[in-house]
Amino acid sequence: MLFEIKIPTPGESITEVEIGKWLVADGDLVSKDQEIAEVESDKATLTLAATESGQIKILISEGETVAVGTIVCNIDTSVVPEKNPEKQPIASELFPEPKEVTVVKSAKTTVYEVKVKPEESNVKITPLAHKMMEDNHLSMEEVLNGLHRISKSDIEAVLALPKQEKGSGKLTSTTSTSSASDRTVKREKMTMLRRKLAERLVSVKNETAMLTTFNEIDMSRVMEMRSKLQNKFVEKHGLKLGFMSIFTKAVAEAMQFHPSINSQISGEEIISSEFVDVGIAVQTPKGLMVPIVRNAENKTISEIELEIKELAEKARTKKISVEELTGGTFTITNGGTFGSLLSTPIINPPQSAILGMHNIVDRPVAVNGQVVIRPMMYVALSYDHRIIDGKDSVGFLVKVKELIENPERLLTGGRNPEEVLLGL
């Protein structure tokens, strides 16, 4: 029986997608729920899974844009895959009747050294490797020497050799001979997600009055708290405490004092949200994604930490839904994880502001008239000056600084605990 695999609906606003990459080759045997393709939309990269086990027939090529609901492949269930397709064959399976087999055993592994003529062998080749061989007109003899299982990396190693060495059986390093003359230019089509991201970033520069204000935060208190209570936090919640969750909570509290930061422009109207949905910028192999932590103002730091971890993992493994990427009233990005000391982040439209965190560096600062070394972080707030005044932007960043340097205020709505205690 033939089963049709159609493009599902990623979200209400998405009508077409792009086939980013097939994870299997045409004619491969696939198992039920096996990931078979990566699908690109203008918001996220999602995976397509097989609905049944059988032999796949691919109908749409990589890079093609198709409408939601389009049939992209068929699965013939009359052809049943092996029960354990992941099992790696040993030398006796690769070469049923070898001329000479030497088994070399060690404490950790067993290596099979097989000597056999290429034309008499029965080598299993991965589908991707086989396709690469065909595309580059490589024979078995050119790639078999010294290899037990031919994979993508093996084919790339052969292609990297000079032409006179391809059939010699020498898989030697060519770095010294090719580095000086290698002027290869690689061209790769932009994914739909990357194209949409590029359009949005350019539109922000052209359509907003973007301005950035800076400050620096003494991270001593937060780092001491994190170091002192990390083990208890892990025991209680099952994950480590990071800085992003603390900043997310601080941002949500600071919004209560400067609500314009949480506002957006829609035509000739200003939309002000009573809730704080914070987007957390996550770098993935396919580009930047911004999953949303909703109602951060009502969540504890541990709840925010857990949600950030789950969303980030979903984004990196392409399991995230469009709904989890849609919306948001404010965004936080952390260039410090890559070593950035200072930057001017770009607003994520239609939001009006974004907070940029940076690397923590020990610097000399003046405290009570004395020069001391403290772990300092530069922070940047980029904002749309059409809707946010300088007073609010600076005040908001100062409030975030105040909350991070005095984390106990996160328990009192950003107010001085002593004033709260005395009812002032």
Protein backbone atom coordinates (compact mmCIF):
# COMPACT_ATOMS: atom_id res chain seq x y z
CA MET A 1 0.00 0.00 0.00
CA LEU A 2 1.20 3.51 -0.81
CA PHE A 3 1.00 6.21 1.88
CA GLU A 4 1.27 9.87 0.92
CA ILE A 5 3.36 12.26 3.01
CA LYS A 6 2.02 15.81 2.83
CA ILE A 7 3.41 19.08 4.14
CA PRO A 8 1.56 19.78 7.41
CA THR A 9 0.43 23.25 8.43
CA PRO A 10 3.26 24.81 10.48
CA GLY A 11 1.10 27.78 11.53
CA GLU A 12 -1.83 29.92 10.55
CA SER A 13 0.20 32.55 8.69
CA ILE A 14 2.35 30.08 6.73
CA THR A 15 1.07 28.98 3.31
CA GLU A 16 4.25 27.62 1.72
CA VAL A 17 7.51 26.01 2.76
CA GLU A 18 10.81 25.00 1.22
CA ILE A 19 12.27 21.49 1.21
CA GLY A 20 15.53 22.29 2.95
CA LYS A 21 17.15 18.85 3.02
CA TRP A 22 16.20 15.22 2.52
CA LEU A 23 17.62 13.08 5.33
CA VAL A 24 17.11 9.90 3.27
CA ALA A 25 17.70 9.02 -0.37
CA ASP A 26 15.09 8.08 -2.94
CA GLY A 27 14.39 4.36 -2.63
CA ASP A 28 15.64 4.05 0.96
CA LEU A 29 13.83 1.88 3.47
CA VAL A 30 12.47 4.01 6.32
CA SER A 31 10.84 3.20 9.64
CA LYS A 32 7.72 4.72 11.14
CA ASP A 33 8.38 8.06 12.89
CA GLN A 34 11.87 8.27 11.33
CA GLU A 35 12.85 11.82 10.37
CA ILE A 36 13.05 11.97 6.58
CA ALA A 37 13.31 15.66 5.69
CA GLU A 38 13.94 19.18 6.98
CA VAL A 39 11.30 21.70 5.99
CA GLU A 40 12.07 25.42 5.97
CA SER A 41 9.45 28.07 6.64
CA ASP A 42 10.04 31.78 7.08
CA LYS A 43 9.90 31.31 10.86
CA ALA A 44 11.52 27.97 11.69
CA THR A 45 13.12 24.78 10.42
CA LEU A 46 10.90 21.78 11.11
CA THR A 47 11.32 18.06 10.47
CA LEU A 48 9.07 15.75 8.48
CA ALA A 49 8.63 12.20 9.80
CA ALA A 50 7.56 8.99 8.09
CA THR A 51 4.01 7.98 8.97
CA GLU A 52 4.63 4.31 8.10
CA SER A 53 7.52 1.91 7.51
CA GLY A 54 8.47 1.04 3.95
CA GLN A 55 10.32 2.20 0.84
CA ILE A 56 10.29 5.93 0.15
CA LYS A 57 9.72 7.58 -3.21
CA ILE A 58 10.74 11.25 -3.19
CA LEU A 59 8.57 13.51 -5.36
CA ILE A 60 9.93 16.99 -4.53
CA SER A 61 13.61 17.96 -4.83
CA GLU A 62 15.64 19.87 -2.25
CA GLY A 63 15.32 23.64 -2.55
CA GLU A 64 11.83 23.58 -4.10
CA THR A 65 9.10 25.75 -2.59
CA VAL A 66 5.73 24.05 -2.23
CA ALA A 67 2.35 24.91 -0.76
CA VAL A 68 1.17 23.52 2.56
CA GLY A 69 -0.63 20.22 1.90
CA THR A 70 1.53 19.25 -1.09
CA ILE A 71 2.47 15.56 -1.39
CA VAL A 72 6.27 15.43 -1.18
CA CYS A 73 6.85 11.66 -1.09
CA ASN A 74 5.18 8.26 -1.01
CA ILE A 75 5.94 5.29 1.23
CA ASP A 76 5.39 1.77 -0.11
CA THR A 77 4.56 -0.37 2.91
CA SER A 78 4.84 -3.60 0.90
CA VAL A 79 8.61 -3.23 1.18
CA VAL A 80 9.46 -3.69 4.87
CA PRO A 81 12.79 -2.39 6.29
CA GLU A 82 15.02 -4.49 8.49
CA LYS A 83 14.06 -4.59 12.16
CA ASN A 84 17.42 -3.13 13.21
CA PRO A 85 18.55 -0.77 10.38
CA GLU A 86 20.91 1.04 12.74
CA LYS A 87 23.08 -2.04 13.27
CA GLN A 88 26.55 -1.60 11.80
CA PRO A 89 27.71 -4.66 9.80
CA ILE A 90 30.93 -6.38 10.78
CA ALA A 91 33.63 -7.40 8.33
CA SER A 92 32.10 -10.85 7.72
CA GLU A 93 28.84 -9.16 6.66
CA LEU A 94 30.57 -6.67 4.40
CA PHE A 95 32.69 -9.38 2.76
CA PRO A 96 30.86 -12.75 2.80
CA GLU A 97 33.73 -14.64 1.21
CA PRO A 98 36.93 -12.68 1.86
CA LYS A 99 40.25 -13.87 0.53
CA GLU A 100 42.08 -13.01 3.73
CA VAL A 101 40.79 -11.70 7.08
CA THR A 102 42.97 -10.65 10.03
CA VAL A 103 41.29 -9.89 13.38
CA VAL A 104 43.14 -7.46 15.65
CA LYS A 105 41.71 -7.20 19.17
CA SER A 106 42.36 -4.57 21.84
CA ALA A 107 40.83 -3.78 25.23
CA LYS A 108 38.27 -1.41 23.72
CA THR A 109 37.54 -2.54 20.19
CA THR A 110 38.01 -5.18 17.52
CA VAL A 111 39.45 -4.12 14.15
CA TYR A 112 38.92 -6.23 11.06
CA GLU A 113 41.68 -5.91 8.47
CA VAL A 114 40.33 -7.28 5.20
CA LYS A 115 42.28 -7.84 2.00
CA VAL A 116 39.99 -8.36 -0.96
CA LYS A 117 39.74 -7.25 -4.53
CA PRO A 118 37.29 -4.36 -4.96
CA GLU A 119 35.39 -6.11 -7.74
CA GLU A 120 34.82 -9.15 -5.51
CA SER A 121 33.63 -7.22 -2.46
CA ASN A 122 30.10 -6.59 -1.26
CA VAL A 123 30.51 -3.27 0.56
CA LYS A 124 27.50 -1.52 2.06
CA ILE A 125 27.52 2.17 1.16
CA THR A 126 25.45 4.88 2.80
CA PRO A 127 22.88 6.45 0.43
CA LEU A 128 24.50 9.87 0.66
CA ALA A 129 27.95 8.44 -0.09
CA HIS A 130 26.59 6.51 -3.09
CA LYS A 131 24.99 9.65 -4.50
CA MET A 132 28.23 11.59 -4.04
CA MET A 133 30.13 8.86 -5.89
CA GLU A 134 27.72 9.06 -8.80
CA ASP A 135 27.74 12.87 -8.90
CA ASN A 136 31.54 12.98 -8.94
CA HIS A 137 32.06 9.95 -11.22
CA LEU A 138 34.10 8.00 -8.68
CA SER A 139 34.60 4.26 -8.98
CA MET A 140 34.65 1.77 -6.12
CA GLU A 141 38.34 1.16 -6.69
CA GLU A 142 39.14 4.83 -6.05
CA VAL A 143 37.50 4.96 -2.64
CA LEU A 144 37.73 1.43 -1.27
CA ASN A 145 41.42 1.26 -0.32
CA GLY A 146 41.80 1.01 3.45
CA LEU A 147 38.08 1.57 4.14
CA HIS A 148 35.60 -0.86 5.73
CA ARG A 149 32.44 1.23 5.40
CA ILE A 150 32.17 4.05 2.92
CA SER A 151 30.55 7.18 4.31
CA LYS A 152 30.23 10.83 3.36
CA SER A 153 33.50 11.77 5.08
CA ASP A 154 35.35 9.05 3.14
CA ILE A 155 34.10 10.36 -0.20
CA GLU A 156 35.09 13.90 0.78
CA ALA A 157 38.57 12.63 1.68
CA VAL A 158 39.00 11.08 -1.78
CA LEU A 159 37.73 14.22 -3.52
CA ALA A 160 40.29 16.26 -1.61
CA LEU A 161 43.17 14.24 -3.13
CA PRO A 162 45.02 15.40 -6.25
CA LYS A 163 43.85 13.61 -9.40
CA GLN A 164 47.03 11.55 -9.75
CA GLU A 165 46.56 10.11 -6.24
CA LYS A 166 42.87 9.10 -6.47
CA GLY A 167 43.59 5.60 -7.71
CA SER A 168 46.89 5.02 -5.95
CA GLY A 169 45.46 3.74 -2.66
CA LYS A 170 47.13 6.54 -0.70
CA LEU A 171 44.83 8.53 1.54
CA THR A 172 47.50 11.07 2.46
CA SER A 173 47.12 14.58 3.76
CA THR A 174 47.12 17.22 1.03
CA THR A 175 47.07 20.28 3.23
CA SER A 176 50.59 21.38 2.38
CA THR A 177 50.13 21.00 -1.40
CA SER A 178 46.60 22.31 -1.81
CA SER A 179 46.38 25.16 0.70
CA ALA A 180 48.36 27.59 -1.42
CA SER A 181 46.49 26.91 -4.67
CA ASP A 182 43.00 26.14 -3.35
CA ARG A 183 40.74 29.00 -4.45
CA THR A 184 37.46 27.12 -4.37
CA VAL A 185 34.33 29.25 -3.98
CA LYS A 186 31.32 27.61 -2.39
CA ARG A 187 27.84 28.82 -3.31
CA GLU A 188 24.90 27.87 -1.15
CA LYS A 189 21.31 28.99 -1.50
CA MET A 190 19.94 30.94 1.43
CA THR A 191 17.28 29.10 3.39
CA MET A 192 13.80 30.55 3.61
CA LEU A 193 14.41 31.27 7.31
CA ARG A 194 17.64 33.14 6.53
CA ARG A 195 16.00 35.12 3.72
CA LYS A 196 13.12 36.16 5.96
CA LEU A 197 15.53 37.09 8.74
CA ALA A 198 17.51 39.25 6.32
CA GLU A 199 14.35 41.03 5.17
CA ARG A 200 13.22 41.71 8.73
CA LEU A 201 16.59 43.09 9.81
CA VAL A 202 16.78 45.45 6.85
CA SER A 203 13.20 46.63 7.43
CA VAL A 204 14.01 47.41 11.07
CA LYS A 205 16.85 49.70 10.03
CA ASN A 206 14.66 51.42 7.45
CA GLU A 207 11.35 51.66 9.32
CA THR A 208 12.28 52.40 12.95
CA ALA A 209 14.09 55.21 14.73
CA MET A 210 16.43 52.79 16.46
CA LEU A 211 18.73 54.05 19.19
CA THR A 212 20.90 52.21 21.74
CA THR A 213 21.71 53.12 25.34
CA PHE A 214 24.37 51.37 27.45
CA ASN A 215 25.15 50.60 31.06
CA GLU A 216 27.26 48.17 33.06
CA ILE A 217 26.27 45.76 35.80
CA ASP A 218 28.29 44.46 38.73
CA MET A 219 27.58 40.72 38.63
CA SER A 220 29.17 39.98 42.03
CA ARG A 221 25.96 39.35 44.00
CA VAL A 222 24.33 37.18 41.37
CA MET A 223 27.51 35.16 40.82
CA GLU A 224 27.97 34.62 44.56
CA MET A 225 24.35 33.52 44.91
CA ARG A 226 24.67 31.20 41.93
CA SER A 227 27.90 29.65 43.20
CA LYS A 228 26.59 29.23 46.74
CA LEU A 229 23.23 27.69 45.85
CA GLN A 230 23.94 25.95 42.52
CA ASN A 231 24.10 22.44 43.99
CA LYS A 232 20.84 22.89 45.90
CA PHE A 233 19.21 24.34 42.78
CA VAL A 234 20.27 21.31 40.74
CA GLU A 235 19.04 18.90 43.42
CA LYS A 236 15.69 20.70 43.66
CA HIS A 237 14.95 21.43 40.00
CA GLY A 238 17.18 19.05 38.05
CA LEU A 239 19.01 21.70 36.02
CA LYS A 240 21.67 24.35 36.48
CA LEU A 241 20.89 27.98 37.18
CA GLY A 242 21.97 30.33 34.40
CA PHE A 243 22.06 34.10 34.08
CA MET A 244 19.41 34.31 31.34
CA SER A 245 16.55 33.33 33.65
CA ILE A 246 17.58 35.95 36.21
CA PHE A 247 17.75 38.65 33.54
CA THR A 248 14.38 37.54 32.17
CA LYS A 249 12.80 37.94 35.60
CA ALA A 250 14.53 41.30 36.10
CA VAL A 251 13.24 42.53 32.74
CA ALA A 252 9.68 41.47 33.62
CA GLU A 253 9.86 43.36 36.92
CA ALA A 254 11.44 46.46 35.34
CA MET A 255 8.56 46.60 32.84
CA GLN A 256 6.20 47.44 35.71
CA PHE A 257 8.08 50.72 36.21
CA HIS A 258 8.53 51.50 32.50
CA PRO A 259 5.57 49.99 30.59
CA SER A 260 6.40 51.81 27.34
CA ILE A 261 9.27 49.35 26.83
CA ASN A 262 6.59 46.65 26.53
CA SER A 263 4.59 48.55 23.91
CA GLN A 264 4.33 48.26 20.11
CA ILE A 265 3.24 50.45 17.22
CA SER A 266 0.42 49.18 15.00
CA GLY A 267 -0.44 51.67 12.29
CA GLU A 268 -1.42 54.83 14.14
CA GLU A 269 -2.04 53.03 17.44
CA ILE A 270 0.17 52.13 20.40
CA ILE A 271 -0.47 48.65 21.78
CA SER A 272 0.52 48.21 25.44
CA SER A 273 0.47 44.67 26.85
CA GLU A 274 -0.23 43.95 30.50
CA PHE A 275 1.71 40.67 30.18
CA VAL A 276 5.42 40.26 29.48
CA ASP A 277 6.28 37.65 26.83
CA VAL A 278 10.08 37.55 26.55
CA GLY A 279 11.76 36.20 23.43
CA ILE A 280 15.09 34.45 24.06
CA ALA A 281 17.41 34.62 21.05
CA VAL A 282 18.88 31.17 20.33
CA GLN A 283 21.56 30.52 17.73
CA THR A 284 20.92 27.35 15.70
CA PRO A 285 22.71 25.81 12.70
CA LYS A 286 19.94 27.21 10.48
CA GLY A 287 20.07 30.73 11.89
CA LEU A 288 18.72 32.80 14.76
CA MET A 289 15.45 31.72 16.38
CA VAL A 290 13.57 33.49 19.16
CA PRO A 291 11.33 31.17 21.22
CA ILE A 292 8.98 32.91 23.65
CA VAL A 293 8.75 32.62 27.45
CA ARG A 294 5.17 33.74 28.04
CA ASN A 295 3.94 35.59 31.13
CA ALA A 296 7.42 35.89 32.59
CA GLU A 297 6.07 38.34 35.18
CA ASN A 298 4.13 35.51 36.85
CA LYS A 299 6.86 32.86 36.79
CA THR A 300 9.63 32.04 39.22
CA ILE A 301 13.27 31.97 38.15
CA SER A 302 13.30 28.15 38.29
CA GLU A 303 10.22 27.97 36.04
CA ILE A 304 11.79 30.41 33.58
CA GLU A 305 15.09 28.47 33.60
CA LEU A 306 13.32 25.21 32.80
CA GLU A 307 11.26 26.76 30.01
CA ILE A 308 14.32 28.41 28.44
CA LYS A 309 16.16 25.08 28.44
CA GLU A 310 13.24 23.22 26.86
CA LEU A 311 12.64 25.87 24.19
CA ALA A 312 16.33 26.18 23.29
CA GLU A 313 16.63 22.41 22.92
CA LYS A 314 13.55 22.30 20.71
CA ALA A 315 14.94 25.09 18.53
CA ARG A 316 18.31 23.39 18.06
CA THR A 317 16.77 19.98 17.29
CA LYS A 318 14.08 21.43 14.99
CA LYS A 319 11.26 20.23 17.24
CA ILE A 320 9.92 23.69 18.03
CA SER A 321 6.48 24.76 16.81
CA VAL A 322 5.65 28.00 15.06
CA GLU A 323 3.37 28.95 17.96
CA GLU A 324 6.36 28.81 20.33
CA LEU A 325 8.18 31.29 18.08
CA THR A 326 5.28 33.64 17.47
CA GLY A 327 4.52 36.77 19.46
CA GLY A 328 6.67 38.21 22.18
CA THR A 329 6.69 41.73 23.58
CA PHE A 330 10.44 42.02 24.30
CA THR A 331 13.62 40.14 23.41
CA ILE A 332 16.89 39.29 25.20
CA THR A 333 20.01 38.26 23.31
CA ASN A 334 23.26 37.13 24.92
CA GLY A 335 26.31 37.76 22.76
CA GLY A 336 28.46 37.11 25.82
CA THR A 337 28.21 33.36 25.23
CA PHE A 338 30.34 33.92 22.12
CA GLY A 339 32.73 36.34 23.84
CA SER A 340 31.15 39.66 22.78
CA LEU A 341 32.20 42.57 25.01
CA LEU A 342 29.79 45.16 23.59
CA SER A 343 27.29 45.37 20.73
CA THR A 344 24.17 47.16 19.53
CA PRO A 345 21.42 44.53 19.12
CA ILE A 346 18.76 45.03 16.46
CA ILE A 347 15.09 45.22 17.46
CA ASN A 348 12.94 42.17 16.72
CA PRO A 349 9.82 43.66 15.04
CA PRO A 350 7.07 44.43 15.86
CA GLN A 351 8.62 44.77 19.31
CA SER A 352 10.01 48.13 20.35
CA ALA A 353 13.08 47.14 22.37
CA ILE A 354 15.72 44.46 22.86
CA LEU A 355 18.25 43.88 25.66
CA GLY A 356 21.76 42.76 24.80
CA MET A 357 23.80 40.89 27.41
CA HIS A 358 27.57 40.56 27.03
CA ASN A 359 30.67 38.86 28.34
CA ILE A 360 31.47 39.07 32.07
CA VAL A 361 34.97 40.50 32.54
CA ASP A 362 36.90 41.36 35.71
CA ARG A 363 37.50 45.12 35.66
CA PRO A 364 38.69 47.72 38.17
CA VAL A 365 35.79 49.82 39.47
CA ALA A 366 35.41 52.43 42.20
CA VAL A 367 33.38 51.22 45.22
CA ASN A 368 33.05 53.55 48.23
CA GLY A 369 36.10 55.50 47.13
CA GLN A 370 38.25 52.37 46.69
CA VAL A 371 39.37 50.74 43.44
CA VAL A 372 38.37 47.06 43.47
CA ILE A 373 38.18 44.28 40.90
CA ARG A 374 34.63 43.20 40.10
CA PRO A 375 33.03 40.93 37.46
CA MET A 376 31.34 43.46 35.18
CA MET A 377 28.95 43.07 32.26
CA TYR A 378 28.10 45.71 29.69
CA VAL A 379 24.40 45.74 28.76
CA ALA A 380 22.77 47.48 25.82
CA LEU A 381 19.14 48.44 25.20
CA SER A 382 18.20 49.14 21.59
CA TYR A 383 14.78 50.78 21.30
CA ASP A 384 12.43 52.47 18.86
CA HIS A 385 12.61 56.16 19.68
CA ARG A 386 9.24 56.74 17.99
CA ILE A 387 7.46 55.14 20.95
CA ILE A 388 10.06 55.00 23.75
CA ASP A 389 11.52 58.21 25.16
CA GLY A 390 15.09 58.50 26.33
CA LYS A 391 13.99 58.86 29.94
CA ASP A 392 12.17 55.52 29.89
CA SER A 393 14.92 53.68 28.01
CA VAL A 394 17.63 54.83 30.39
CA GLY A 395 15.41 54.36 33.44
CA PHE A 396 14.50 50.83 32.37
CA LEU A 397 18.15 49.82 31.93
CA VAL A 398 19.05 51.38 35.30
CA LYS A 399 16.22 49.41 36.93
CA VAL A 400 17.50 46.15 35.39
CA LYS A 401 20.97 47.00 36.70
CA GLU A 402 19.55 47.69 40.14
CA LEU A 403 17.68 44.38 40.24
CA ILE A 404 20.66 42.30 39.13
CA GLU A 405 23.01 44.01 41.59
CA ASN A 406 20.41 43.55 44.37
CA PRO A 407 18.68 40.25 43.47
CA GLU A 408 16.64 40.21 46.69
CA ARG A 409 14.52 43.00 45.15
CA LEU A 410 13.16 40.47 42.67
CA LEU A 411 11.10 39.20 45.64
CA THR A 412 9.61 42.60 46.39
CA GLY A 413 8.51 43.70 42.92
CA GLY A 414 11.69 45.66 42.34
CA ARG A 415 11.25 47.80 45.45
CA ASN A 416 13.64 48.27 48.35
CA PRO A 417 12.94 45.41 50.82
CA GLU A 418 13.36 47.72 53.79
CA GLU A 419 10.77 50.14 52.40
CA VAL A 420 8.39 47.25 51.76
CA LEU A 421 8.94 46.01 55.31
CA LEU A 422 8.12 49.44 56.75
CA GLY A 423 5.17 49.99 54.39
CA LEU A 424 6.76 53.01 52.76
